[in-house]
């Protein structure tokens, strides 16, 4: 087949559709109707998000929600006043309340208490806003992860990253606008694809999954293929796709695939540079823990997250599995903290040094928390979605504060309950979007990120 040049396409008239298509793909797509230009949406305090998703369920009472009463009641039954309110709670007679193996200390000017598990993150408490009152009702890992990342346990709704991309549009950059990294830890929890998928939104809004160790796969130019020839191939494919779409009007899978061709071509230049961490100074690599086997994997993911947002990626999701601790929570959480504390603290410090923290919202948290009781006889803790902690930093967040509270042993929310949809609305608010006005027509139903349960941003996060 004759390899047409781009000029020949244009002269012959064959390239008109392809050229128009490439122009369309280069444009930002804010809702397709420009609703985000409306004064009804809040002013953005952040340009980008890094979501550090701690899969498996970190224990709130061992990390950021100290409970001295647990030490006093250790080995006793759960008070009946609490047992009657939480269906999953262990009933009387087990005498299984368990104190935290770690102490807590106040840090920074704010005096926020942080577990001894996180000595490095503790140095940044004045930048952190702790929400101790996250709550939902799904105690199973997979559905719980879907709840936390999509707002629903069935895995069929769009991910938070997809909604943010739908609202803000594709950035005019050589990298995908929404990237998900599933770090290779020894956690048993399988990543839930719903956490980066587009659900009922058009497929072009789904995230791009990358391997922090191997980079973005399949973007190397085939041997013997020049950039000019590859551009001509893409132009022809897009022209044929455009002709087909003109007959069917809408085909989201084909539209997404067509866009992916151009994105893949752009990444053939951008991706190798992005993953070339050796270009970072030895000091920076050491800061993230790339010199230590324990911190290397998470350190690489956190450093890549900084490099991604630096290069225009709007939503980065870093998934760290392994926090499930049904037995020996002391061993499990000590190991996971050793893997994550130094890299996460380095990310916060590096973003601040680069002048990026004030415009980058960093979120840390898992799909649920853990019980203050011991599960069985193994000195572990069971799943507990009734009350758990997440924290936010940067991106307009008022640091050094605590929002919400739990009961004396950390089982239930007693003040300012926050659901996953509320958290999503808060993150979208930081990006300049009112979740209630971020609407997509799905078969006649006006869908928003809040689903049928609703939700509202936690404005106290921003000092409101």
Protein backbone atom coordinates (compact mmCIF):
# COMPACT_ATOMS: atom_id res chain seq x y z
CA UNK A 1 0.00 0.00 0.00
CA UNK A 2 1.28 3.44 -0.89
CA UNK A 3 2.45 5.40 2.17
CA UNK A 4 0.81 8.82 1.80
CA UNK A 5 2.55 11.79 3.40
CA UNK A 6 0.48 14.21 5.48
CA UNK A 7 0.76 16.77 2.69
CA UNK A 8 -0.49 14.22 0.16
CA UNK A 9 -3.42 13.41 2.42
CA UNK A 10 -4.37 17.05 2.55
CA UNK A 11 -3.92 17.64 -1.19
CA UNK A 12 -5.86 14.53 -2.12
CA UNK A 13 -8.66 15.39 0.25
CA UNK A 14 -8.17 12.12 2.10
CA UNK A 15 -6.60 13.83 5.08
CA UNK A 16 -9.35 16.34 5.81
CA UNK A 17 -11.15 14.12 8.26
CA UNK A 18 -7.94 12.95 9.89
CA UNK A 19 -6.65 16.49 10.28
CA UNK A 20 -9.96 17.56 11.79
CA UNK A 21 -9.88 14.55 14.08
CA UNK A 22 -6.38 15.34 15.31
CA UNK A 23 -7.43 18.92 15.94
CA UNK A 24 -10.36 17.67 18.00
CA UNK A 25 -8.16 15.31 19.97
CA UNK A 26 -5.75 18.13 20.76
CA UNK A 27 -8.47 20.22 22.36
CA UNK A 28 -9.53 20.17 25.98
CA UNK A 29 -12.97 18.67 26.45
CA UNK A 30 -14.63 20.29 29.50
CA UNK A 31 -17.91 18.40 29.65
CA UNK A 32 -18.38 19.02 25.96
CA UNK A 33 -20.67 21.93 26.84
CA UNK A 34 -18.40 24.20 28.81
CA UNK A 35 -20.38 23.99 32.05
CA UNK A 36 -17.19 24.50 34.03
CA UNK A 37 -17.09 28.06 32.77
CA UNK A 38 -20.20 28.65 34.83
CA UNK A 39 -19.91 30.79 37.94
CA UNK A 40 -21.88 28.05 39.70
CA UNK A 41 -18.69 26.03 40.10
CA UNK A 42 -16.25 26.87 42.91
CA UNK A 43 -12.88 28.45 42.32
CA UNK A 44 -10.22 25.76 42.06
CA UNK A 45 -7.66 25.49 44.84
CA UNK A 46 -5.78 22.62 43.17
CA UNK A 47 -4.74 21.86 39.61
CA UNK A 48 -3.99 18.20 40.15
CA UNK A 49 -4.49 15.27 42.53
CA UNK A 50 -2.22 12.50 43.83
CA UNK A 51 -4.32 9.83 45.53
CA UNK A 52 -2.16 7.51 47.67
CA UNK A 53 -4.52 4.56 48.04
CA UNK A 54 -3.50 2.24 50.88
CA UNK A 55 -5.29 -0.96 49.89
CA UNK A 56 -6.09 -3.49 52.60
CA UNK A 57 -7.33 -1.15 55.32
CA UNK A 58 -4.86 0.64 57.58
CA UNK A 59 -5.98 0.64 61.20
CA UNK A 60 -7.12 4.06 62.36
CA UNK A 61 -6.41 3.33 66.03
CA UNK A 62 -2.80 2.42 65.18
CA UNK A 63 -2.05 5.31 62.82
CA UNK A 64 -3.84 8.66 63.21
CA UNK A 65 -6.64 8.19 65.77
CA UNK A 66 -5.13 7.43 69.20
CA UNK A 67 -7.38 5.77 71.77
CA UNK A 68 -5.88 5.69 75.30
CA UNK A 69 -9.07 4.00 76.48
CA UNK A 70 -8.08 0.92 74.49
CA UNK A 71 -5.04 0.47 76.70
CA UNK A 72 -7.20 0.69 79.81
CA UNK A 73 -9.83 -1.72 78.44
CA UNK A 74 -7.42 -4.17 76.78
CA UNK A 75 -8.57 -7.73 77.35
CA UNK A 76 -12.13 -6.65 78.17
CA UNK A 77 -15.39 -6.87 76.25
CA UNK A 78 -16.60 -4.11 73.97
CA UNK A 79 -18.96 -1.85 75.96
CA UNK A 80 -22.56 -2.87 75.24
CA UNK A 81 -23.40 0.73 74.33
CA UNK A 82 -21.16 0.33 71.28
CA UNK A 83 -21.84 -3.33 70.56
CA UNK A 84 -25.50 -2.57 69.96
CA UNK A 85 -24.67 0.03 67.29
CA UNK A 86 -22.23 -1.82 65.05
CA UNK A 87 -23.48 -5.07 63.42
CA UNK A 88 -19.95 -6.34 62.68
CA UNK A 89 -18.71 -5.86 66.24
CA UNK A 90 -17.69 -8.89 68.29
CA UNK A 91 -20.21 -9.70 70.97
CA UNK A 92 -19.73 -9.91 74.73
CA UNK A 93 -17.79 -12.77 76.25
CA UNK A 94 -14.78 -12.65 73.91
CA UNK A 95 -12.82 -10.12 75.98
CA UNK A 96 -10.91 -9.13 72.87
CA UNK A 97 -10.31 -5.38 73.00
CA UNK A 98 -6.67 -4.85 72.04
CA UNK A 99 -4.44 -1.86 72.76
CA UNK A 100 -2.31 -0.39 69.99
CA UNK A 101 1.27 -1.73 69.99
CA UNK A 102 2.46 1.79 69.18
CA UNK A 103 2.59 5.01 71.09
CA UNK A 104 1.42 8.37 69.78
CA UNK A 105 3.11 11.74 70.07
CA UNK A 106 2.12 15.29 69.19
CA UNK A 107 4.04 16.92 66.36
CA UNK A 108 4.48 20.29 64.69
CA UNK A 109 3.03 23.59 65.74
CA UNK A 110 -0.46 22.11 65.46
CA UNK A 111 0.32 19.32 67.89
CA UNK A 112 -1.46 16.68 65.84
CA UNK A 113 -0.91 13.19 67.27
CA UNK A 114 0.67 10.62 64.97
CA UNK A 115 1.60 7.01 65.66
CA UNK A 116 5.24 6.04 66.09
CA UNK A 117 4.73 4.09 62.84
CA UNK A 118 5.19 7.29 60.84
CA UNK A 119 8.14 9.33 62.15
CA UNK A 120 8.78 10.93 58.73
CA UNK A 121 5.18 11.79 57.83
CA UNK A 122 4.81 13.16 61.36
CA UNK A 123 7.24 15.93 60.39
CA UNK A 124 4.59 17.24 57.98
CA UNK A 125 1.52 17.28 60.23
CA UNK A 126 1.13 21.03 59.85
CA UNK A 127 0.32 20.37 56.19
CA UNK A 128 -2.12 17.54 56.94
CA UNK A 129 -5.87 17.70 57.47
CA UNK A 130 -6.97 14.50 59.22
CA UNK A 131 -10.54 13.36 58.62
CA UNK A 132 -11.14 10.78 61.34
CA UNK A 133 -14.79 10.19 60.52
CA UNK A 134 -14.85 8.40 57.15
CA UNK A 135 -17.61 5.83 57.18
CA UNK A 136 -19.52 3.43 54.93
CA UNK A 137 -21.12 -0.01 55.24
CA UNK A 138 -19.14 -2.39 53.01
CA UNK A 139 -16.61 -4.57 54.92
CA UNK A 140 -15.26 -6.55 51.94
CA UNK A 141 -12.01 -5.57 50.20
CA UNK A 142 -13.09 -5.57 46.55
CA UNK A 143 -16.44 -3.81 46.95
CA UNK A 144 -14.93 -1.58 49.63
CA UNK A 145 -12.23 -0.46 47.22
CA UNK A 146 -14.91 0.26 44.63
CA UNK A 147 -16.86 2.28 47.22
CA UNK A 148 -13.80 4.34 48.06
CA UNK A 149 -12.79 5.00 44.45
CA UNK A 150 -16.17 5.10 42.67
CA UNK A 151 -18.74 5.70 45.40
CA UNK A 152 -20.47 2.37 44.81
CA UNK A 153 -19.62 -1.23 45.68
CA UNK A 154 -20.90 -2.77 42.44
CA UNK A 155 -17.92 -1.62 40.37
CA UNK A 156 -20.07 -0.22 37.58
CA UNK A 157 -19.83 3.52 38.23
CA UNK A 158 -17.07 5.82 36.96
CA UNK A 159 -13.97 6.22 39.07
CA UNK A 160 -13.21 9.53 40.74
CA UNK A 161 -10.32 10.03 38.33
CA UNK A 162 -12.64 9.50 35.35
CA UNK A 163 -15.09 12.09 36.71
CA UNK A 164 -12.27 14.59 37.16
CA UNK A 165 -11.11 14.00 33.59
CA UNK A 166 -14.68 14.33 32.31
CA UNK A 167 -15.06 17.63 34.13
CA UNK A 168 -11.71 19.19 33.31
CA UNK A 169 -11.04 17.64 29.93
CA UNK A 170 -7.88 16.13 28.46
CA UNK A 171 -4.76 18.16 29.11
CA UNK A 172 -2.78 19.17 26.03
CA UNK A 173 0.23 17.14 27.05
CA UNK A 174 2.15 14.13 25.76
CA UNK A 175 1.10 12.00 28.73
CA UNK A 176 -2.34 10.69 29.72
CA UNK A 177 -4.33 13.04 31.94
CA UNK A 178 -5.31 10.27 34.39
CA UNK A 179 -2.71 7.66 35.35
CA UNK A 180 -3.07 4.77 37.79
CA UNK A 181 -0.06 2.93 39.23
CA UNK A 182 -0.59 -0.40 40.98
CA UNK A 183 2.62 -0.95 42.90
CA UNK A 184 3.92 -4.49 43.24
CA UNK A 185 3.79 -5.22 46.95
CA UNK A 186 3.03 -8.57 48.55
CA UNK A 187 -0.53 -7.58 49.40
CA UNK A 188 -3.19 -10.15 48.61
CA UNK A 189 -5.79 -7.63 47.46
CA UNK A 190 -6.30 -7.67 43.69
CA UNK A 191 -6.59 -4.17 42.20
CA UNK A 192 -10.16 -3.31 41.32
CA UNK A 193 -10.28 -2.14 37.71
CA UNK A 194 -13.35 -0.04 38.54
CA UNK A 195 -10.96 2.21 40.44
CA UNK A 196 -9.58 3.62 37.17
CA UNK A 197 -12.32 2.74 34.69
CA UNK A 198 -14.82 5.14 33.13
CA UNK A 199 -17.99 3.22 34.02
CA UNK A 200 -20.89 4.64 32.02
CA UNK A 201 -18.86 7.68 30.94
CA UNK A 202 -17.32 7.55 27.46
CA UNK A 203 -14.29 5.27 27.43
CA UNK A 204 -11.86 8.11 26.70
CA UNK A 205 -12.15 9.17 30.35
CA UNK A 206 -10.72 5.98 31.83
CA UNK A 207 -7.28 6.00 33.42
CA UNK A 208 -4.09 4.66 31.88
CA UNK A 209 -2.53 1.93 34.02
CA UNK A 210 1.25 1.98 34.16
CA UNK A 211 3.86 -0.20 35.78
CA UNK A 212 6.08 1.82 38.11
CA UNK A 213 8.95 -0.60 37.54
CA UNK A 214 8.63 -1.22 33.79
CA UNK A 215 7.02 2.04 32.71
CA UNK A 216 4.32 2.38 30.08
CA UNK A 217 4.43 -0.73 27.95
CA UNK A 218 4.17 -1.05 24.19
CA UNK A 219 5.08 2.54 23.37
CA UNK A 220 8.45 1.80 21.77
CA UNK A 221 8.48 2.64 18.06
CA UNK A 222 8.64 -0.57 15.98
CA UNK A 223 12.03 -1.24 14.49
CA UNK A 224 12.37 0.33 11.06
CA UNK A 225 9.39 2.67 11.55
CA UNK A 226 10.11 6.39 11.31
CA UNK A 227 8.10 9.06 13.08
CA UNK A 228 6.87 10.37 9.72
CA UNK A 229 5.61 6.96 8.64
CA UNK A 230 3.92 6.42 12.01
CA UNK A 231 2.17 9.79 11.71
CA UNK A 232 0.94 8.84 8.25
CA UNK A 233 -0.38 5.52 9.56
CA UNK A 234 -2.21 7.23 12.40
CA UNK A 235 -3.65 9.83 10.03
CA UNK A 236 -5.04 7.10 7.76
CA UNK A 237 -6.54 5.14 10.66
CA UNK A 238 -8.13 8.26 12.07
CA UNK A 239 -9.53 9.26 8.70
CA UNK A 240 -11.17 5.86 8.31
CA UNK A 241 -12.50 6.02 11.88
CA UNK A 242 -13.89 9.49 11.24
CA UNK A 243 -15.67 8.26 8.12
CA UNK A 244 -17.19 5.37 10.09
CA UNK A 245 -18.21 7.60 13.00
CA UNK A 246 -19.99 9.89 10.56
CA UNK A 247 -22.35 7.01 9.83
CA UNK A 248 -22.96 5.86 13.41
CA UNK A 249 -22.72 9.29 15.09
CA UNK A 250 -21.41 7.95 18.39
CA UNK A 251 -19.24 5.04 19.40
CA UNK A 252 -17.40 5.71 22.65
CA UNK A 253 -15.11 2.66 22.43
CA UNK A 254 -13.93 3.62 18.94
CA UNK A 255 -13.54 7.26 19.94
CA UNK A 256 -11.42 6.21 22.91
CA UNK A 257 -9.32 3.91 20.77
CA UNK A 258 -8.80 6.62 18.19
CA UNK A 259 -7.63 9.01 20.85
CA UNK A 260 -5.34 6.33 22.25
CA UNK A 261 -3.46 6.13 18.93
CA UNK A 262 -2.39 9.75 19.18
CA UNK A 263 -1.69 9.43 22.91
CA UNK A 264 0.48 6.35 22.31
CA UNK A 265 2.42 8.20 19.62
CA UNK A 266 3.01 11.13 21.92
CA UNK A 267 4.11 8.81 24.73
CA UNK A 268 6.74 7.21 22.51
CA UNK A 269 8.67 10.40 23.12
CA UNK A 270 7.47 11.37 26.58
CA UNK A 271 7.34 8.03 28.42
CA UNK A 272 11.04 7.10 28.29
CA UNK A 273 11.96 10.52 29.68
CA UNK A 274 9.31 10.28 32.40
CA UNK A 275 10.61 6.95 33.72
CA UNK A 276 14.29 7.91 33.52
CA UNK A 277 14.64 8.38 37.28
CA UNK A 278 18.42 8.34 36.95
CA UNK A 279 18.07 11.93 35.75
CA UNK A 280 17.09 12.88 39.30
CA UNK A 281 19.87 13.86 41.69
CA UNK A 282 21.35 11.23 43.99
CA UNK A 283 20.00 13.26 46.90
CA UNK A 284 16.44 13.11 45.53
CA UNK A 285 16.65 9.39 44.85
CA UNK A 286 17.89 8.81 48.38
CA UNK A 287 15.19 11.10 49.78
CA UNK A 288 12.51 8.82 48.29
CA UNK A 289 14.28 5.68 49.50
CA UNK A 290 15.35 4.30 46.14
CA UNK A 291 18.57 3.17 47.85
CA UNK A 292 16.71 0.87 50.26
CA UNK A 293 15.02 -2.41 49.31
CA UNK A 294 12.21 -1.75 51.82
CA UNK A 295 11.23 1.63 50.39
CA UNK A 296 12.31 1.22 46.77
CA UNK A 297 8.97 0.21 45.24
CA UNK A 298 6.81 2.84 46.94
CA UNK A 299 9.60 5.38 46.64
CA UNK A 300 9.73 4.89 42.90
CA UNK A 301 5.95 5.24 42.66
CA UNK A 302 5.90 8.45 44.71
CA UNK A 303 8.78 9.98 42.76
CA UNK A 304 7.04 9.09 39.49
CA UNK A 305 3.86 10.70 40.81
CA UNK A 306 5.76 13.95 41.35
CA UNK A 307 7.30 13.75 37.87
CA UNK A 308 3.87 13.06 36.36
CA UNK A 309 2.12 16.06 37.88
CA UNK A 310 5.15 18.13 36.95
CA UNK A 311 4.54 17.14 33.33
CA UNK A 312 0.84 17.95 33.25
CA UNK A 313 -0.87 14.77 34.48
CA UNK A 314 -3.97 15.92 36.39
CA UNK A 315 -4.92 12.80 38.36
CA UNK A 316 -2.40 10.25 39.62
CA UNK A 317 -3.57 7.23 41.60
CA UNK A 318 -0.88 5.26 43.45
CA UNK A 319 -2.17 1.98 44.89
CA UNK A 320 -0.13 0.33 47.65
CA UNK A 321 -1.52 -3.05 48.68
CA UNK A 322 -0.67 -5.07 51.77
CA UNK A 323 -2.36 -3.39 54.75
CA UNK A 324 -4.70 -6.32 55.52
CA UNK A 325 -3.82 -7.47 59.05
CA UNK A 326 -6.15 -10.20 60.34
CA UNK A 327 -3.23 -11.69 62.23
CA UNK A 328 -0.18 -10.00 63.73
CA UNK A 329 -1.08 -6.39 63.09
CA UNK A 330 2.18 -5.34 64.72
CA UNK A 331 4.25 -7.17 62.12
CA UNK A 332 2.03 -6.19 59.19
CA UNK A 333 1.71 -2.49 59.91
CA UNK A 334 5.36 -2.15 60.91
CA UNK A 335 6.35 -3.62 57.55
CA UNK A 336 3.92 -1.47 55.57
CA UNK A 337 4.90 1.69 57.43
CA UNK A 338 8.56 0.92 56.76
CA UNK A 339 7.70 0.75 53.05
CA UNK A 340 5.61 3.89 52.87
CA UNK A 341 6.56 6.40 55.57
CA UNK A 342 9.78 7.67 54.03
CA UNK A 343 8.51 7.84 50.39
CA UNK A 344 5.24 9.59 51.32
CA UNK A 345 7.05 12.14 53.47
CA UNK A 346 9.55 12.65 50.63
CA UNK A 347 6.68 13.30 48.21
CA UNK A 348 5.23 16.00 50.46
CA UNK A 349 8.63 17.59 50.99
CA UNK A 350 9.57 17.41 47.31
CA UNK A 351 6.27 18.89 46.13
CA UNK A 352 6.81 21.75 48.56
CA UNK A 353 10.40 22.31 47.39
CA UNK A 354 9.26 22.27 43.76
CA UNK A 355 6.53 24.83 44.50
CA UNK A 356 3.86 22.26 43.58
CA UNK A 357 2.25 21.38 46.90
CA UNK A 358 0.01 24.44 47.08
CA UNK A 359 -1.54 23.47 43.73
CA UNK A 360 -1.45 19.67 44.19
CA UNK A 361 -3.97 17.89 46.41
CA UNK A 362 -2.48 14.80 48.08
CA UNK A 363 -4.91 12.25 49.55
CA UNK A 364 -3.94 9.25 51.74
CA UNK A 365 -6.30 6.47 52.84
CA UNK A 366 -7.62 2.96 52.28
CA UNK A 367 -10.98 1.30 51.63
CA UNK A 368 -11.84 1.03 55.35
CA UNK A 369 -10.27 0.85 58.80
CA UNK A 370 -9.89 -1.95 61.30
CA UNK A 371 -11.59 -3.03 64.52
CA UNK A 372 -10.18 -2.09 67.93
CA UNK A 373 -10.79 -5.72 68.88
CA UNK A 374 -8.42 -8.60 68.25
CA UNK A 375 -9.57 -11.05 65.60
CA UNK A 376 -9.28 -14.62 66.85
CA UNK A 377 -6.10 -15.24 68.82
CA UNK A 378 -3.61 -13.91 66.25
CA UNK A 379 -3.38 -10.34 67.54
CA UNK A 380 -4.71 -8.93 64.28
CA UNK A 381 -7.72 -6.73 63.56
CA UNK A 382 -10.77 -7.33 61.35
CA UNK A 383 -12.18 -5.01 58.68
CA UNK A 384 -14.19 -2.05 59.95
CA UNK A 385 -15.78 0.44 57.52
CA UNK A 386 -17.83 2.08 60.29
CA UNK A 387 -15.07 4.57 61.14
CA UNK A 388 -11.62 5.21 59.68
CA UNK A 389 -9.15 7.98 58.85
CA UNK A 390 -7.91 9.63 55.69
CA UNK A 391 -5.76 12.72 55.37
CA UNK A 392 -5.38 15.45 52.77
CA UNK A 393 -2.56 17.92 52.16
CA UNK A 394 -1.75 20.73 49.73
CA UNK A 395 -4.15 22.01 47.08
CA UNK A 396 -5.81 24.64 49.28
CA UNK A 397 -6.13 22.35 52.31
CA UNK A 398 -5.87 23.97 55.73
CA UNK A 399 -3.27 21.81 57.42
CA UNK A 400 -2.76 21.07 61.07
CA UNK A 401 -6.40 20.29 61.77
CA UNK A 402 -8.63 17.33 62.63
CA UNK A 403 -12.15 16.91 61.27
CA UNK A 404 -14.61 14.47 62.83
CA UNK A 405 -14.16 12.10 65.74
CA UNK A 406 -14.84 8.54 66.82
CA UNK A 407 -15.94 6.95 70.10
CA UNK A 408 -13.58 6.15 72.96
CA UNK A 409 -12.29 2.96 71.32
CA UNK A 410 -12.46 4.03 67.65
CA UNK A 411 -15.37 1.87 66.50
CA UNK A 412 -18.02 4.38 65.43
CA UNK A 413 -18.19 7.97 64.22
CA UNK A 414 -19.44 10.35 66.87
CA UNK A 415 -18.94 13.68 65.11
CA UNK A 416 -19.07 14.90 61.49
CA UNK A 417 -19.55 11.64 59.55
CA UNK A 418 -17.99 11.76 56.07
CA UNK A 419 -18.94 9.25 53.39
CA UNK A 420 -16.82 8.35 50.34
CA UNK A 421 -19.10 10.51 48.16
CA UNK A 422 -18.45 13.45 50.50
CA UNK A 423 -14.73 12.86 50.09
CA UNK A 424 -15.13 12.73 46.30
CA UNK A 425 -17.14 15.95 46.35
CA UNK A 426 -14.34 17.53 48.42
CA UNK A 427 -11.65 16.48 45.96
CA UNK A 428 -13.70 17.70 42.99
CA UNK A 429 -14.37 20.96 44.85
CA UNK A 430 -10.61 21.48 45.15
CA UNK A 431 -10.34 21.00 41.38
CA UNK A 432 -13.01 23.65 40.81
CA UNK A 433 -16.04 21.41 40.28
CA UNK A 434 -19.38 21.26 42.04
CA UNK A 435 -20.13 17.53 42.03
CA UNK A 436 -23.88 18.19 41.96
CA UNK A 437 -23.47 20.17 38.74
CA UNK A 438 -21.09 17.72 37.09
CA UNK A 439 -23.78 15.98 35.08
CA UNK A 440 -23.72 13.22 32.49
CA UNK A 441 -26.83 12.07 30.64
CA UNK A 442 -26.83 8.27 30.98
CA UNK A 443 -29.80 6.86 29.08
CA UNK A 444 -31.92 9.80 30.19
CA UNK A 445 -30.77 9.71 33.81
CA UNK A 446 -28.84 12.80 34.86
CA UNK A 447 -25.90 11.16 36.63
CA UNK A 448 -23.42 12.94 38.90
CA UNK A 449 -20.39 11.65 40.86
CA UNK A 450 -22.62 11.52 43.94
CA UNK A 451 -24.91 8.75 42.67
CA UNK A 452 -28.22 8.11 44.40
CA UNK A 453 -26.89 8.56 47.94
CA UNK A 454 -25.73 12.13 47.43
CA UNK A 455 -22.97 13.94 49.24
CA UNK A 456 -21.40 17.32 49.80
CA UNK A 457 -17.85 18.69 50.04
CA UNK A 458 -16.30 18.94 53.48
CA UNK A 459 -15.57 22.64 53.29
CA UNK A 460 -13.83 22.65 56.67
CA UNK A 461 -10.94 20.98 54.85
CA UNK A 462 -10.26 24.32 53.18
CA UNK A 463 -10.86 26.36 56.32
CA UNK A 464 -14.49 27.03 55.39
